[in-house]
Every structure is written in C-alpha cells, then in structure tokens.
Amino acid sequence: MNLTFGIVTINSYPELNYEKQAIYDNAVKHFKHVLLIDPRKVSYQFIRGAKKPIIRYLGQNLANLSALHIRGASNMSNSTSILAHSLDFCGCIISDPIYKFATKSGSKLLSTVGQYEDRIGSSSFIAFNLENTLELIASIEAKKLFPIIVKPINGRQGNGIYLLKTAAEMLTYTNQFFKERTDSDFPIFFQTYVAFVKEYRIFVIDKKIIGLVVKIKQKGQIVANAAKGATFIHIENPQQVIVEFILDHLSDGIYGVDVAIDTAGGIHLIEANMSPNWKAFQQTTGIDVAAVIIQDTLRKINKGIALDI
C-alpha cells in the first residue's frame, strides 16, 4: 500500500525537535512518503457536490493522506485546525481526537468543513498565503465560477463582505488583503455567489423552530442582514422542507440560522450563528425570544428535578 504520513511543522528536518525527529525517523520505516507540512501553506477548495475537497500543499493534493501527526501547533491554530478537520473528513488518521483542534477565534473555518460534509454549503475556497491564493484565483477563473464573494472568517452582520466579478478584481482585493494582514494564521476566504430565490432567518432552540422570517435585501446590498437594511417578513408556517433541514443539520442549542434556496431548489446553510442577535427578528415576529429561552431553561431544570425524584 502507498501509505503517506504527514507531520505538522514549520521547520525542515534538521530544525525539528527531538520528538518530531523521532516520529519522522520511525514513520519513514513504514510509510512510502513522509511529509513535513506547514499548514499555512495549504489551500482548500470545497466544491459543492464533490466527493472530497481539494487540499493543495506544494503542488500535491493531501486529500488521500493516510495519517497526520500534530504536536505543538498552538501558534497556528486556525491553519492546523482546518487541516485536521478537512483530512479527518477525508478518512485520514489524526494523531489526537479531532475535538482538540479548534480555531483561536469564532470563525467560519470549521463550519465550512461541516457544511461541505453535509453538502449544504456554497462552494468555498481558503488560503493562508499569497502564492496559494493566486492559484485559487486561477482555478476559479478556469472553472468559470464568477462572481465570487469574499468575507472575513470572523465577520458579523455582513461587515467586510464584497462581491468580486472578475479575476482582476480578486487579484486587487488579494494584494490589498495580504499587504494589510498582520497575522499569518488568518486566511482569505472566498465563496461562490449564488442568486438565491429566497433567504430565511430562522430562530431555533434545541432543534425546535420558534420563528421564521423571509429576508429581503436592501437594493444594492450583497447580503440580507438587518444591519445592512434588509426587510424581514414573518412567516407563520415554515415549509416542511425547511423544518426537515433544521432537524437534520442542527444539534441542540440556541441558533440564529440563515438558510437560502437556489434556483434549482437546493438548500444552502449560510450560517448557524450560536450567538445570534434577535432585536430585528423579535420586532418583526412579536416573539419574545428571551422569554422563550428562559422558559426552555426552566423546562430543562424541571425535567432534571423530576428525574432525580
């Protein structure tokens, strides 16, 4: 078997510490290829509908990597985390439980992997350096995927989102992004722009829909966010397909979910915000969200007391 083994590091072999050199020396006895992988030099193409993502590193696709060893990567947690989660989805053996690898701040990185796995997200592209981003732009142009949206991985309320219609516009944005960036572990994030037929904001508590609104963009805006002037219209009875979608793809907890329908009837999960604002939602629906949350909390407490009796 052509087994391949990866070690996360920014160093060459002579610069590795004792432990990583020991792992490398033992791995070469059993694996055909052993790679030293700087996660900040990896790029990602999560194409909606494709079986596996394209995970590019120095001209290679890592999607078929057999195993990955991660040790001491806290100073590059964003790039390490998405590498670990993406390869875990591809069937790669990760050295430690996958839950150990989280991003250093709230971001769209891991949710992008999850949405790709569930086949519910828009096609997404991620890179951590200029060279890889230029390759992504060339690939996007070759696949004729324009227009493209660029957004910050930790953005809120539609801030920092831009529509890029050509490779030249992407190149201009990219050069400015890397010129201003101060953290090498903070990636550039692109998604294909989809002209949705309808967009919804759904408030969900423990997989139960407590209210739903249709979102209508303000003219000239890219996103349908209340902060960007979107109009909300209350819908009393959500479509069954939306209900089933929520039940299938959300766990227990409090979520403000943005869902959209494309022209072919496909459902896209735009965001499942675990710390949602609800002022505009409440003003539109008349639902006292805080009261519902407290009542749900009391229900759980009472259920726990009943089980103890």
Foldseek 3Di string as FASTA:
>chain_A
DQAEEEEEDPDDQVPDDPVVVVVVVVVVVPHVYYYHDHLQQWKWKLAQPDPAIAIDHPRDGCLPHAEYEYDDPVLQLLSVLLVLLRNVLSVHHYPDPSVVRDDPDQFCRVVVSVCSSVSFAFIKMKHLDLVVLLVVLVVCVVVVLDFKWKAFGRDPQQPPIDTRGHSVSSNVVSVVCVVPDDRSSGMTMMGRQADFPWKKKFKDAQLDTPWMWIWAADPPDRDRGVSRPIDTATDDDDDPVVSVVSNVRDGHAIWTWMWTAGPVRRIHTPDTDRDDDCPNVCVRPVDPVVVVVVVVVVVVVVVVVVVVD
